[in-house]
Amino acid sequence: MDAGAVAVLAGCAAFGGLLAVLAGAYGLRQARRVQRTGVRVEALVKRRPGSAPDEPAHPRPLLQFATEDDRVLEVVCPVAPSRRRPLNDGDHILVRYDTDDPRTVVVDNLERRGLERAFITAGALVMLLSLAMVAFAVATR
């Protein structure tokens, strides 16, 4: 493969890595902001409409809560249930919502920070790999 083709491939890989880093950083920033400035309320976990009681629950249930101005909202839970936190129908959990956009919620103690950090790490590794590809192409030229 000639150096020009390697440079194009490395550029595309670096761009993808940069997008992954930015997506992870944005997700962490949003979660921290809502956790710091959001309003804490209790939400009711609800089964998705149309699912039968004997069916397994949808991976992301609905959360119903009332805002400070007494609007009742239903939003899709931003995190999937786990063994540690099953999120069964009828459970009550604590969430924080953004006052500017109440549909942006963070479930207390389930912020998905690991996923965001994985995006940042994977993106940085792809960017380093693309730099190594260019360095190798230039060195073997």
N, C-alpha and C. Protein backbone atom coordinates (compact mmCIF):
# COMPACT_ATOMS: atom_id res chain seq x y z
N MET A 1 0.86 -1.17 0.00
CA MET A 1 0.00 0.00 0.00
C MET A 1 0.91 1.23 0.00
N ASP A 2 0.60 2.19 -0.84
CA ASP A 2 1.48 3.36 -0.87
C ASP A 2 1.14 4.33 0.26
N ALA A 3 2.00 5.29 0.48
CA ALA A 3 1.88 6.21 1.62
C ALA A 3 0.61 7.05 1.54
N GLY A 4 0.19 7.42 0.34
CA GLY A 4 -1.03 8.23 0.19
C GLY A 4 -2.26 7.49 0.65
N ALA A 5 -2.36 6.21 0.29
CA ALA A 5 -3.50 5.41 0.71
C ALA A 5 -3.50 5.21 2.22
N VAL A 6 -2.33 4.98 2.78
CA VAL A 6 -2.23 4.82 4.24
C VAL A 6 -2.63 6.11 4.94
N ALA A 7 -2.21 7.25 4.37
CA ALA A 7 -2.55 8.53 4.98
C ALA A 7 -4.05 8.77 4.95
N VAL A 8 -4.71 8.42 3.86
CA VAL A 8 -6.18 8.57 3.78
C VAL A 8 -6.86 7.65 4.79
N LEU A 9 -6.44 6.41 4.85
CA LEU A 9 -7.00 5.46 5.82
C LEU A 9 -6.78 5.94 7.25
N ALA A 10 -5.58 6.42 7.53
CA ALA A 10 -5.27 6.92 8.87
C ALA A 10 -6.09 8.17 9.19
N GLY A 11 -6.30 9.02 8.21
CA GLY A 11 -7.11 10.22 8.43
C GLY A 11 -8.55 9.88 8.76
N CYS A 12 -9.10 8.90 8.04
CA CYS A 12 -10.48 8.47 8.34
C CYS A 12 -10.57 7.85 9.73
N ALA A 13 -9.59 7.03 10.08
CA ALA A 13 -9.57 6.41 11.40
C ALA A 13 -9.43 7.46 12.50
N ALA A 14 -8.56 8.44 12.27
CA ALA A 14 -8.38 9.51 13.27
C ALA A 14 -9.65 10.31 13.45
N PHE A 15 -10.36 10.57 12.35
CA PHE A 15 -11.62 11.32 12.45
C PHE A 15 -12.65 10.53 13.26
N GLY A 16 -12.75 9.21 12.99
CA GLY A 16 -13.66 8.37 13.77
C GLY A 16 -13.28 8.34 15.24
N GLY A 17 -11.99 8.25 15.52
CA GLY A 17 -11.53 8.27 16.91
C GLY A 17 -11.84 9.58 17.60
N LEU A 18 -11.67 10.67 16.86
CA LEU A 18 -11.98 11.99 17.42
C LEU A 18 -13.46 12.10 17.74
N LEU A 19 -14.31 11.58 16.86
CA LEU A 19 -15.76 11.61 17.13
C LEU A 19 -16.10 10.81 18.38
N ALA A 20 -15.46 9.66 18.56
CA ALA A 20 -15.70 8.84 19.75
C ALA A 20 -15.26 9.57 21.02
N VAL A 21 -14.10 10.22 20.97
CA VAL A 21 -13.62 10.98 22.12
C VAL A 21 -14.59 12.11 22.46
N LEU A 22 -15.02 12.84 21.44
CA LEU A 22 -15.95 13.95 21.67
C LEU A 22 -17.30 13.47 22.20
N ALA A 23 -17.80 12.35 21.68
CA ALA A 23 -19.08 11.81 22.17
C ALA A 23 -18.97 11.41 23.64
N GLY A 24 -17.89 10.74 24.00
CA GLY A 24 -17.70 10.35 25.40
C GLY A 24 -17.54 11.53 26.32
N ALA A 25 -16.77 12.53 25.89
CA ALA A 25 -16.56 13.72 26.72
C ALA A 25 -17.87 14.50 26.89
N TYR A 26 -18.66 14.59 25.82
CA TYR A 26 -19.94 15.29 25.90
C TYR A 26 -20.89 14.56 26.85
N GLY A 27 -20.93 13.24 26.77
CA GLY A 27 -21.79 12.47 27.66
C GLY A 27 -21.40 12.64 29.13
N LEU A 28 -20.10 12.59 29.41
CA LEU A 28 -19.64 12.81 30.79
C LEU A 28 -19.98 14.21 31.28
N ARG A 29 -19.78 15.19 30.41
CA ARG A 29 -20.06 16.58 30.78
C ARG A 29 -21.55 16.77 31.09
N GLN A 30 -22.41 16.21 30.24
CA GLN A 30 -23.85 16.34 30.46
C GLN A 30 -24.27 15.66 31.76
N ALA A 31 -23.76 14.47 32.01
CA ALA A 31 -24.12 13.76 33.23
C ALA A 31 -23.66 14.52 34.47
N ARG A 32 -22.46 15.06 34.43
CA ARG A 32 -21.96 15.85 35.57
C ARG A 32 -22.79 17.11 35.78
N ARG A 33 -23.14 17.77 34.68
CA ARG A 33 -23.91 19.01 34.78
C ARG A 33 -25.28 18.75 35.38
N VAL A 34 -25.96 17.73 34.89
CA VAL A 34 -27.30 17.42 35.42
C VAL A 34 -27.19 16.94 36.86
N GLN A 35 -26.16 16.16 37.17
CA GLN A 35 -25.96 15.69 38.54
C GLN A 35 -25.71 16.86 39.49
N ARG A 36 -25.00 17.88 39.01
CA ARG A 36 -24.65 19.03 39.84
C ARG A 36 -25.79 20.04 39.96
N THR A 37 -26.46 20.34 38.84
CA THR A 37 -27.44 21.43 38.85
C THR A 37 -28.88 20.97 38.73
N GLY A 38 -29.10 19.68 38.49
CA GLY A 38 -30.45 19.18 38.28
C GLY A 38 -31.27 19.11 39.54
N VAL A 39 -32.57 19.00 39.35
CA VAL A 39 -33.51 18.89 40.46
C VAL A 39 -33.72 17.40 40.76
N ARG A 40 -33.63 17.05 42.01
CA ARG A 40 -33.77 15.65 42.43
C ARG A 40 -35.23 15.36 42.76
N VAL A 41 -35.77 14.34 42.10
CA VAL A 41 -37.16 13.92 42.33
C VAL A 41 -37.23 12.40 42.35
N GLU A 42 -38.34 11.91 42.85
CA GLU A 42 -38.60 10.48 42.84
C GLU A 42 -39.40 10.15 41.58
N ALA A 43 -38.99 9.10 40.88
CA ALA A 43 -39.66 8.69 39.65
C ALA A 43 -40.24 7.29 39.81
N LEU A 44 -41.34 7.06 39.13
CA LEU A 44 -41.99 5.76 39.12
C LEU A 44 -41.54 5.01 37.87
N VAL A 45 -41.08 3.78 38.05
CA VAL A 45 -40.68 2.94 36.93
C VAL A 45 -41.94 2.28 36.37
N LYS A 46 -42.13 2.44 35.04
CA LYS A 46 -43.33 1.90 34.40
C LYS A 46 -42.95 1.00 33.24
N ARG A 47 -43.77 -0.01 33.03
CA ARG A 47 -43.60 -0.91 31.88
C ARG A 47 -43.99 -0.14 30.62
N ARG A 48 -43.31 -0.43 29.51
CA ARG A 48 -43.62 0.21 28.24
C ARG A 48 -45.04 -0.16 27.80
N PRO A 49 -45.78 0.77 27.18
CA PRO A 49 -47.13 0.45 26.70
C PRO A 49 -47.09 -0.66 25.65
N GLY A 50 -48.10 -1.52 25.69
CA GLY A 50 -48.20 -2.59 24.71
C GLY A 50 -47.51 -3.87 25.11
N SER A 51 -46.76 -3.86 26.20
CA SER A 51 -46.09 -5.10 26.62
C SER A 51 -46.98 -5.81 27.64
N ALA A 52 -47.15 -7.09 27.44
CA ALA A 52 -47.99 -7.89 28.33
C ALA A 52 -47.28 -8.14 29.66
N PRO A 53 -48.05 -8.31 30.74
CA PRO A 53 -47.43 -8.52 32.05
C PRO A 53 -46.55 -9.78 32.12
N ASP A 54 -46.87 -10.82 31.31
CA ASP A 54 -46.06 -12.05 31.37
C ASP A 54 -44.84 -11.99 30.46
N GLU A 55 -44.73 -10.95 29.63
CA GLU A 55 -43.55 -10.78 28.78
C GLU A 55 -42.39 -10.26 29.61
N PRO A 56 -41.16 -10.56 29.16
CA PRO A 56 -40.02 -9.93 29.86
C PRO A 56 -40.06 -8.42 29.64
N ALA A 57 -39.61 -7.71 30.61
CA ALA A 57 -39.64 -6.24 30.54
C ALA A 57 -38.74 -5.74 29.42
N HIS A 58 -39.13 -4.60 28.85
CA HIS A 58 -38.31 -3.96 27.81
C HIS A 58 -37.00 -3.54 28.45
N PRO A 59 -35.90 -3.55 27.68
CA PRO A 59 -34.61 -3.20 28.28
C PRO A 59 -34.57 -1.82 28.93
N ARG A 60 -35.36 -0.90 28.42
CA ARG A 60 -35.37 0.44 28.99
C ARG A 60 -36.81 0.82 29.36
N PRO A 61 -37.16 0.74 30.63
CA PRO A 61 -38.53 1.09 31.03
C PRO A 61 -38.74 2.61 30.98
N LEU A 62 -39.98 3.02 31.21
CA LEU A 62 -40.31 4.44 31.28
C LEU A 62 -40.16 4.92 32.72
N LEU A 63 -39.80 6.18 32.88
CA LEU A 63 -39.75 6.82 34.19
C LEU A 63 -40.77 7.95 34.20
N GLN A 64 -41.64 7.96 35.19
CA GLN A 64 -42.66 9.00 35.30
C GLN A 64 -42.36 9.82 36.55
N PHE A 65 -42.31 11.15 36.37
CA PHE A 65 -42.05 12.02 37.51
C PHE A 65 -42.73 13.37 37.28
N ALA A 66 -42.86 14.12 38.36
CA ALA A 66 -43.46 15.46 38.30
C ALA A 66 -42.35 16.50 38.46
N THR A 67 -42.39 17.52 37.61
CA THR A 67 -41.39 18.58 37.67
C THR A 67 -41.80 19.60 38.73
N GLU A 68 -40.93 20.58 38.95
CA GLU A 68 -41.22 21.62 39.94
C GLU A 68 -42.47 22.42 39.60
N ASP A 69 -42.76 22.56 38.29
CA ASP A 69 -43.95 23.32 37.89
C ASP A 69 -45.16 22.40 37.68
N ASP A 70 -45.15 21.24 38.32
CA ASP A 70 -46.25 20.27 38.36
C ASP A 70 -46.62 19.66 37.02
N ARG A 71 -45.68 19.60 36.09
CA ARG A 71 -45.91 18.84 34.86
C ARG A 71 -45.49 17.41 35.11
N VAL A 72 -46.29 16.47 34.63
CA VAL A 72 -45.95 15.06 34.76
C VAL A 72 -45.32 14.61 33.45
N LEU A 73 -44.11 14.08 33.54
CA LEU A 73 -43.38 13.64 32.35
C LEU A 73 -43.11 12.16 32.42
N GLU A 74 -43.08 11.54 31.25
CA GLU A 74 -42.64 10.16 31.11
C GLU A 74 -41.49 10.17 30.12
N VAL A 75 -40.35 9.67 30.55
CA VAL A 75 -39.17 9.60 29.69
C VAL A 75 -38.64 8.17 29.71
N VAL A 76 -37.96 7.80 28.64
CA VAL A 76 -37.31 6.50 28.60
C VAL A 76 -36.10 6.55 29.54
N CYS A 77 -35.95 5.53 30.33
CA CYS A 77 -34.84 5.46 31.28
C CYS A 77 -33.51 5.51 30.51
N PRO A 78 -32.59 6.38 30.90
CA PRO A 78 -31.32 6.50 30.16
C PRO A 78 -30.37 5.33 30.37
N VAL A 79 -30.64 4.46 31.31
CA VAL A 79 -29.78 3.30 31.56
C VAL A 79 -30.62 2.04 31.58
N ALA A 80 -30.03 0.95 31.19
CA ALA A 80 -30.70 -0.34 31.22
C ALA A 80 -30.65 -0.92 32.64
N PRO A 81 -31.65 -1.70 33.01
CA PRO A 81 -31.61 -2.35 34.32
C PRO A 81 -30.44 -3.32 34.42
N SER A 82 -29.99 -3.55 35.64
CA SER A 82 -28.90 -4.50 35.88
C SER A 82 -29.31 -5.44 37.01
N ARG A 83 -28.47 -6.41 37.31
CA ARG A 83 -28.77 -7.30 38.44
C ARG A 83 -28.80 -6.52 39.74
N ARG A 84 -27.88 -5.57 39.83
CA ARG A 84 -27.79 -4.76 41.05
C ARG A 84 -28.99 -3.83 41.20
N ARG A 85 -29.49 -3.32 40.08
CA ARG A 85 -30.61 -2.38 40.07
C ARG A 85 -31.59 -2.81 38.99
N PRO A 86 -32.54 -3.74 39.30
CA PRO A 86 -33.38 -4.32 38.26
C PRO A 86 -34.42 -3.38 37.64
N LEU A 87 -34.84 -2.32 38.27
CA LEU A 87 -35.84 -1.38 37.75
C LEU A 87 -37.13 -2.09 37.33
N ASN A 88 -37.78 -2.70 38.29
CA ASN A 88 -39.03 -3.41 38.04
C ASN A 88 -40.21 -2.46 37.97
N ASP A 89 -41.27 -2.89 37.29
CA ASP A 89 -42.48 -2.10 37.16
C ASP A 89 -43.03 -1.75 38.55
N GLY A 90 -43.26 -0.47 38.80
CA GLY A 90 -43.79 -0.02 40.08
C GLY A 90 -42.75 0.45 41.08
N ASP A 91 -41.48 0.22 40.78
CA ASP A 91 -40.41 0.68 41.67
C ASP A 91 -40.33 2.20 41.67
N HIS A 92 -39.81 2.75 42.74
CA HIS A 92 -39.54 4.19 42.83
C HIS A 92 -38.03 4.38 42.91
N ILE A 93 -37.51 5.26 42.07
CA ILE A 93 -36.07 5.54 42.07
C ILE A 93 -35.86 7.05 42.07
N LEU A 94 -34.67 7.47 42.48
CA LEU A 94 -34.34 8.89 42.48
C LEU A 94 -33.65 9.26 41.18
N VAL A 95 -34.11 10.35 40.59
CA VAL A 95 -33.50 10.86 39.36
C VAL A 95 -33.26 12.35 39.53
N ARG A 96 -32.39 12.87 38.71
CA ARG A 96 -32.19 14.31 38.60
C ARG A 96 -32.50 14.70 37.18
N TYR A 97 -33.25 15.81 37.03
CA TYR A 97 -33.58 16.28 35.69
C TYR A 97 -33.08 17.70 35.50
N ASP A 98 -32.82 18.02 34.26
CA ASP A 98 -32.35 19.34 33.86
C ASP A 98 -33.55 20.29 33.86
N THR A 99 -33.45 21.42 34.54
CA THR A 99 -34.57 22.36 34.59
C THR A 99 -34.84 23.01 33.24
N ASP A 100 -33.81 23.17 32.42
CA ASP A 100 -34.01 23.75 31.09
C ASP A 100 -34.66 22.76 30.13
N ASP A 101 -34.34 21.49 30.25
CA ASP A 101 -34.91 20.44 29.43
C ASP A 101 -35.22 19.25 30.32
N PRO A 102 -36.43 19.19 30.90
CA PRO A 102 -36.75 18.13 31.86
C PRO A 102 -36.68 16.72 31.30
N ARG A 103 -36.61 16.56 29.98
CA ARG A 103 -36.50 15.23 29.40
C ARG A 103 -35.08 14.67 29.51
N THR A 104 -34.13 15.52 29.94
CA THR A 104 -32.76 15.07 30.19
C THR A 104 -32.65 14.67 31.65
N VAL A 105 -32.52 13.37 31.89
CA VAL A 105 -32.49 12.87 33.27
C VAL A 105 -31.25 12.02 33.49
N VAL A 106 -30.84 11.96 34.74
CA VAL A 106 -29.76 11.10 35.20
C VAL A 106 -30.30 10.32 36.38
N VAL A 107 -30.20 9.00 36.32
CA VAL A 107 -30.63 8.16 37.44
C VAL A 107 -29.51 8.16 38.47
N ASP A 108 -29.85 8.49 39.71
CA ASP A 108 -28.84 8.52 40.77
C ASP A 108 -28.15 7.16 40.89
N ASN A 109 -26.85 7.18 40.96
CA ASN A 109 -25.98 6.02 41.11
C ASN A 109 -25.96 5.09 39.90
N LEU A 110 -26.51 5.52 38.76
CA LEU A 110 -26.45 4.73 37.52
C LEU A 110 -26.15 5.65 36.35
N GLU A 111 -25.07 6.41 36.41
CA GLU A 111 -24.81 7.44 35.41
C GLU A 111 -24.15 6.96 34.13
N ARG A 112 -23.76 5.70 34.01
CA ARG A 112 -23.09 5.15 32.83
C ARG A 112 -21.75 5.81 32.56
N ARG A 113 -21.04 6.17 33.58
CA ARG A 113 -19.73 6.80 33.38
C ARG A 113 -18.75 5.86 32.71
N GLY A 114 -18.87 4.57 32.99
CA GLY A 114 -17.97 3.59 32.39
C GLY A 114 -18.08 3.55 30.88
N LEU A 115 -19.30 3.63 30.36
CA LEU A 115 -19.51 3.62 28.92
C LEU A 115 -18.91 4.87 28.27
N GLU A 116 -19.10 6.01 28.90
CA GLU A 116 -18.53 7.25 28.35
C GLU A 116 -17.01 7.20 28.36
N ARG A 117 -16.44 6.69 29.44
CA ARG A 117 -14.98 6.57 29.52
C ARG A 117 -14.45 5.56 28.50
N ALA A 118 -15.23 4.52 28.23
CA ALA A 118 -14.82 3.55 27.21
C ALA A 118 -14.79 4.20 25.83
N PHE A 119 -15.76 5.07 25.53
CA PHE A 119 -15.74 5.79 24.26
C PHE A 119 -14.49 6.66 24.15
N ILE A 120 -14.16 7.36 25.22
CA ILE A 120 -12.98 8.22 25.20
C ILE A 120 -11.72 7.39 25.00
N THR A 121 -11.61 6.29 25.73
CA THR A 121 -10.42 5.44 25.63
C THR A 121 -10.30 4.82 24.24
N ALA A 122 -11.40 4.28 23.73
CA ALA A 122 -11.35 3.65 22.41
C ALA A 122 -11.02 4.67 21.33
N GLY A 123 -11.60 5.85 21.42
CA GLY A 123 -11.31 6.90 20.45
C GLY A 123 -9.85 7.32 20.48
N ALA A 124 -9.31 7.45 21.67
CA ALA A 124 -7.89 7.83 21.80
C ALA A 124 -6.99 6.73 21.24
N LEU A 125 -7.34 5.48 21.48
CA LEU A 125 -6.54 4.38 20.94
C LEU A 125 -6.59 4.35 19.40
N VAL A 126 -7.76 4.60 18.83
CA VAL A 126 -7.87 4.64 17.36
C VAL A 126 -7.05 5.79 16.80
N MET A 127 -7.07 6.93 17.47
CA MET A 127 -6.27 8.06 17.00
C MET A 127 -4.77 7.74 17.10
N LEU A 128 -4.33 7.10 18.17
CA LEU A 128 -2.92 6.70 18.29
C LEU A 128 -2.54 5.67 17.22
N LEU A 129 -3.44 4.75 16.95
CA LEU A 129 -3.18 3.76 15.91
C LEU A 129 -3.03 4.43 14.55
N SER A 130 -3.86 5.42 14.27
CA SER A 130 -3.76 6.11 12.98
C SER A 130 -2.43 6.88 12.88
N LEU A 131 -1.98 7.47 13.97
CA LEU A 131 -0.68 8.14 13.96
C LEU A 131 0.45 7.13 13.73
N ALA A 132 0.34 5.96 14.34
CA ALA A 132 1.35 4.92 14.14
C ALA A 132 1.36 4.43 12.70
N MET A 133 0.18 4.36 12.08
CA MET A 133 0.10 3.95 10.68
C MET A 133 0.82 4.95 9.78
N VAL A 134 0.60 6.22 10.02
CA VAL A 134 1.26 7.25 9.22
C VAL A 134 2.77 7.21 9.44
N ALA A 135 3.20 7.08 10.71
CA ALA A 135 4.63 7.02 11.00
C ALA A 135 5.28 5.82 10.34
N PHE A 136 4.60 4.67 10.34
CA PHE A 136 5.13 3.47 9.69
C PHE A 136 5.21 3.66 8.18
N ALA A 137 4.18 4.27 7.59
CA ALA A 137 4.17 4.49 6.15
C ALA A 137 5.29 5.43 5.73
N VAL A 138 5.53 6.46 6.53
CA VAL A 138 6.60 7.41 6.21
C VAL A 138 7.98 6.75 6.40
N ALA A 139 8.13 5.94 7.42
CA ALA A 139 9.41 5.30 7.70
C ALA A 139 9.78 4.25 6.66
N THR A 140 8.79 3.58 6.10
CA THR A 140 9.09 2.53 5.09
C THR A 140 9.15 3.08 3.67
N ARG A 141 8.96 4.31 3.52
CA ARG A 141 8.97 4.95 2.20
C ARG A 141 10.31 5.05 1.61
